Protein backbone atom coordinates (compact mmCIF):
# COMPACT_ATOMS: atom_id res chain seq x y z
CA MET A 1 -7.53 -4.89 -10.12
CA ASN A 2 -5.96 -4.56 -13.60
CA GLU A 3 -8.11 -1.54 -14.43
CA ILE A 4 -6.87 0.16 -11.25
CA MET A 5 -3.24 -0.67 -12.03
CA ASP A 6 -3.65 1.14 -15.35
CA LEU A 7 -4.62 4.29 -13.42
CA LEU A 8 -1.58 4.30 -11.11
CA ASP A 9 0.88 7.14 -11.56
CA THR A 10 3.62 5.46 -9.56
CA ASN A 11 6.25 2.79 -9.93
CA ARG A 12 6.72 2.16 -6.21
CA LYS A 13 7.15 -1.44 -5.21
CA GLY A 14 4.43 -3.19 -3.28
CA VAL A 15 4.62 -4.10 0.39
CA ALA A 16 4.62 -7.61 1.85
CA GLU A 17 1.32 -8.86 3.20
CA ALA A 18 2.95 -9.39 6.61
CA ALA A 19 3.60 -5.64 6.86
CA ILE A 20 0.00 -4.91 5.88
CA ARG A 21 -1.31 -7.30 8.55
CA GLU A 22 1.01 -5.76 11.15
CA THR A 23 -0.37 -2.32 10.33
CA GLU A 24 -3.92 -3.65 10.64
CA GLN A 25 -3.07 -5.06 14.05
CA LYS A 26 -1.55 -1.78 15.24
CA LEU A 27 -4.59 0.17 14.05
CA SER A 28 -7.07 -2.46 15.31
CA ILE A 29 -8.77 -2.56 11.91
CA ARG A 30 -9.07 -4.85 8.91
CA PHE A 31 -8.37 -3.40 5.45
CA PRO A 32 -10.69 -4.41 2.60
CA ASP A 33 -9.28 -7.16 0.36
CA GLN A 34 -8.96 -4.82 -2.64
CA TYR A 35 -6.97 -2.33 -0.53
CA VAL A 36 -4.59 -5.13 0.49
CA GLN A 37 -4.25 -6.22 -3.15
CA LEU A 38 -3.49 -2.66 -4.22
CA PHE A 39 -0.79 -2.19 -1.59
CA ARG A 40 0.79 -5.53 -2.44
CA LEU A 41 1.23 -4.11 -5.96
CA ALA A 42 2.22 -0.53 -5.05
CA ASN A 43 2.99 0.88 -1.59
CA GLY A 44 1.77 4.47 -1.36
CA PRO A 45 0.06 4.46 -4.74
CA GLU A 46 -0.75 7.66 -6.61
CA ILE A 47 -3.95 7.78 -8.64
CA GLY A 48 -4.41 11.11 -10.36
CA GLU A 49 -4.34 13.75 -7.61
CA TRP A 50 -4.85 11.15 -4.88
CA ILE A 51 -1.81 9.89 -2.96
CA LEU A 52 -2.38 7.13 -0.43
CA PHE A 53 -0.03 7.03 2.54
CA PRO A 54 2.44 4.14 2.36
CA ILE A 55 2.47 1.30 4.87
CA LYS A 56 5.59 0.86 6.99
CA ASP A 57 7.80 -1.63 5.20
CA PRO A 58 10.89 -2.96 6.99
CA ASN A 59 12.37 -3.86 3.58
CA ASN A 60 12.11 -0.29 2.25
CA THR A 61 12.48 2.41 4.90
CA LYS A 62 12.83 5.37 2.51
CA LYS A 63 9.10 6.11 2.32
CA ASN A 64 7.10 4.74 5.18
CA MET A 65 4.25 5.63 7.40
CA GLY A 66 5.52 6.30 10.92
């Protein structure tokens, strides 16, 4: 995971695992463990030209998925 963190072009805070699990439940899916680890470190990470949509975080409502 450290090598991925070095590639991130963002300083956004991570999201709590409870919010990730809630999103999984709403979508009826299970995220891969590495995806969960990444979002716990940075919610809505940017890697080069790729921007991953953030997960809804009740502690930070500025940038959230709907």
